[in-house]
């Protein structure tokens, strides 16, 4: 039995719904972990001040985005290969 376009769209919507729920759950976990990390940093830094040690700093490595004009000098063509490299964090060479 073949699927109709409506069946495919419904399946896509269901997959999207599941993915967005998982995304929000992970986002909430991340926020919770970040709050715990800040609290632990405060605790460590209080102890460090008492015993004469250096304070610790948070090392947040958040992704950065650089917008490049499509035909600007030094721009990289948007081929499947370069897009895949960018998504996996590999250099574009």
C-alpha atoms as a PDB file:
ATOM      1  CA  UNK A   1       0.000   0.000   0.000  1.00  0.00           C
ATOM      2  CA  UNK A   2       1.397   3.398  -0.973  1.00  0.00           C
ATOM      3  CA  UNK A   3       1.197   6.458   1.225  1.00  0.00           C
ATOM      4  CA  UNK A   4      -0.635   9.543   0.118  1.00  0.00           C
ATOM      5  CA  UNK A   5       0.853  13.009   0.359  1.00  0.00           C
ATOM      6  CA  UNK A   6      -1.440  13.644   3.312  1.00  0.00           C
ATOM      7  CA  UNK A   7      -0.024  10.549   5.059  1.00  0.00           C
ATOM      8  CA  UNK A   8       3.532  11.754   4.453  1.00  0.00           C
ATOM      9  CA  UNK A   9       2.707  15.226   5.766  1.00  0.00           C
ATOM     10  CA  UNK A  10       1.007  13.783   8.849  1.00  0.00           C
ATOM     11  CA  UNK A  11       4.020  11.583   9.511  1.00  0.00           C
ATOM     12  CA  UNK A  12       6.318  14.569   9.084  1.00  0.00           C
ATOM     13  CA  UNK A  13       4.228  16.620  11.504  1.00  0.00           C
ATOM     14  CA  UNK A  14       4.364  13.802  14.063  1.00  0.00           C
ATOM     15  CA  UNK A  15       8.148  13.522  13.712  1.00  0.00           C
ATOM     16  CA  UNK A  16       8.484  17.286  14.016  1.00  0.00           C
ATOM     17  CA  UNK A  17       6.304  17.273  17.150  1.00  0.00           C
ATOM     18  CA  UNK A  18       8.473  14.603  18.769  1.00  0.00           C
ATOM     19  CA  UNK A  19      11.672  16.383  17.800  1.00  0.00           C
ATOM     20  CA  UNK A  20      10.495  19.748  19.127  1.00  0.00           C
ATOM     21  CA  UNK A  21       9.440  18.141  22.429  1.00  0.00           C
ATOM     22  CA  UNK A  22      12.887  16.558  22.763  1.00  0.00           C
ATOM     23  CA  UNK A  23      14.511  19.884  21.872  1.00  0.00           C
ATOM     24  CA  UNK A  24      12.588  21.704  24.615  1.00  0.00           C
ATOM     25  CA  UNK A  25      13.396  18.975  27.143  1.00  0.00           C
ATOM     26  CA  UNK A  26      17.109  19.193  26.328  1.00  0.00           C
ATOM     27  CA  UNK A  27      16.968  22.973  26.471  1.00  0.00           C
ATOM     28  CA  UNK A  28      15.421  22.787  29.955  1.00  0.00           C
ATOM     29  CA  UNK A  29      18.094  20.316  31.083  1.00  0.00           C
ATOM     30  CA  UNK A  30      20.786  22.631  29.765  1.00  0.00           C
ATOM     31  CA  UNK A  31      19.343  25.606  31.641  1.00  0.00           C
ATOM     32  CA  UNK A  32      19.222  23.528  34.825  1.00  0.00           C
ATOM     33  CA  UNK A  33      22.840  22.413  34.386  1.00  0.00           C
ATOM     34  CA  UNK A  34      23.974  25.968  33.708  1.00  0.00           C
ATOM     35  CA  UNK A  35      22.304  27.137  36.939  1.00  0.00           C
ATOM     36  CA  UNK A  36      24.035  24.322  38.854  1.00  0.00           C
ATOM     37  CA  UNK A  37      27.350  25.249  37.267  1.00  0.00           C
ATOM     38  CA  UNK A  38      27.017  28.894  38.322  1.00  0.00           C
ATOM     39  CA  UNK A  39      26.135  27.811  41.881  1.00  0.00           C
ATOM     40  CA  UNK A  40      29.145  25.479  41.977  1.00  0.00           C
ATOM     41  CA  UNK A  41      31.359  28.259  40.638  1.00  0.00           C
ATOM     42  CA  UNK A  42      30.207  30.504  43.501  1.00  0.00           C
ATOM     43  CA  UNK A  43      30.945  27.739  46.019  1.00  0.00           C
ATOM     44  CA  UNK A  44      34.409  27.049  44.581  1.00  0.00           C
ATOM     45  CA  UNK A  45      35.261  30.751  44.458  1.00  0.00           C
ATOM     46  CA  UNK A  46      34.193  31.254  48.083  1.00  0.00           C
ATOM     47  CA  UNK A  47      36.484  28.418  49.119  1.00  0.00           C
ATOM     48  CA  UNK A  48      39.246  29.735  46.879  1.00  0.00           C
ATOM     49  CA  UNK A  49      39.037  33.157  48.544  1.00  0.00           C
ATOM     50  CA  UNK A  50      39.312  31.606  51.997  1.00  0.00           C
ATOM     51  CA  UNK A  51      42.351  29.451  51.219  1.00  0.00           C
ATOM     52  CA  UNK A  52      44.079  31.925  48.914  1.00  0.00           C
ATOM     53  CA  UNK A  53      43.532  30.171  45.600  1.00  0.00           C
ATOM     54  CA  UNK A  54      42.628  31.675  42.252  1.00  0.00           C
ATOM     55  CA  UNK A  55      38.934  31.941  41.404  1.00  0.00           C
ATOM     56  CA  UNK A  56      37.542  29.799  38.602  1.00  0.00           C
ATOM     57  CA  UNK A  57      35.876  31.260  35.541  1.00  0.00           C
ATOM     58  CA  UNK A  58      33.181  29.736  33.386  1.00  0.00           C
ATOM     59  CA  UNK A  59      34.319  28.583  29.966  1.00  0.00           C
ATOM     60  CA  UNK A  60      31.198  28.878  27.854  1.00  0.00           C
ATOM     61  CA  UNK A  61      31.904  27.813  24.314  1.00  0.00           C
ATOM     62  CA  UNK A  62      28.722  28.885  22.655  1.00  0.00           C
ATOM     63  CA  UNK A  63      28.562  28.533  18.912  1.00  0.00           C
ATOM     64  CA  UNK A  64      29.117  31.695  16.932  1.00  0.00           C
ATOM     65  CA  UNK A  65      27.594  32.549  13.613  1.00  0.00           C
ATOM     66  CA  UNK A  66      29.243  34.552  10.890  1.00  0.00           C
ATOM     67  CA  UNK A  67      27.106  35.881   8.060  1.00  0.00           C
ATOM     68  CA  UNK A  68      28.955  36.028   4.759  1.00  0.00           C
ATOM     69  CA  UNK A  69      27.589  37.460   1.561  1.00  0.00           C
ATOM     70  CA  UNK A  70      27.204  34.773  -1.093  1.00  0.00           C
ATOM     71  CA  UNK A  71      29.446  36.449  -3.658  1.00  0.00           C
ATOM     72  CA  UNK A  72      31.772  38.344  -1.339  1.00  0.00           C
ATOM     73  CA  UNK A  73      35.531  37.948  -1.725  1.00  0.00           C
ATOM     74  CA  UNK A  74      36.665  34.903   0.226  1.00  0.00           C
ATOM     75  CA  UNK A  75      33.180  33.403   0.429  1.00  0.00           C
ATOM     76  CA  UNK A  76      32.764  29.641   0.229  1.00  0.00           C
ATOM     77  CA  UNK A  77      30.315  28.068  -2.231  1.00  0.00           C
ATOM     78  CA  UNK A  78      27.271  26.505  -0.566  1.00  0.00           C
ATOM     79  CA  UNK A  79      27.721  22.978  -1.871  1.00  0.00           C
ATOM     80  CA  UNK A  80      26.534  19.857  -0.025  1.00  0.00           C
ATOM     81  CA  UNK A  81      30.132  19.180   0.985  1.00  0.00           C
ATOM     82  CA  UNK A  82      30.764  22.626   2.489  1.00  0.00           C
ATOM     83  CA  UNK A  83      27.394  22.627   4.258  1.00  0.00           C
ATOM     84  CA  UNK A  84      28.127  19.189   5.758  1.00  0.00           C
ATOM     85  CA  UNK A  85      31.556  20.363   6.927  1.00  0.00           C
ATOM     86  CA  UNK A  86      30.050  23.480   8.510  1.00  0.00           C
ATOM     87  CA  UNK A  87      27.360  21.487  10.313  1.00  0.00           C
ATOM     88  CA  UNK A  88      29.907  19.072  11.752  1.00  0.00           C
ATOM     89  CA  UNK A  89      32.219  21.876  12.856  1.00  0.00           C
ATOM     90  CA  UNK A  90      35.040  20.987  10.487  1.00  0.00           C
ATOM     91  CA  UNK A  91      36.978  23.712   8.734  1.00  0.00           C
ATOM     92  CA  UNK A  92      35.950  24.752   5.275  1.00  0.00           C
ATOM     93  CA  UNK A  93      39.546  24.975   4.125  1.00  0.00           C
END
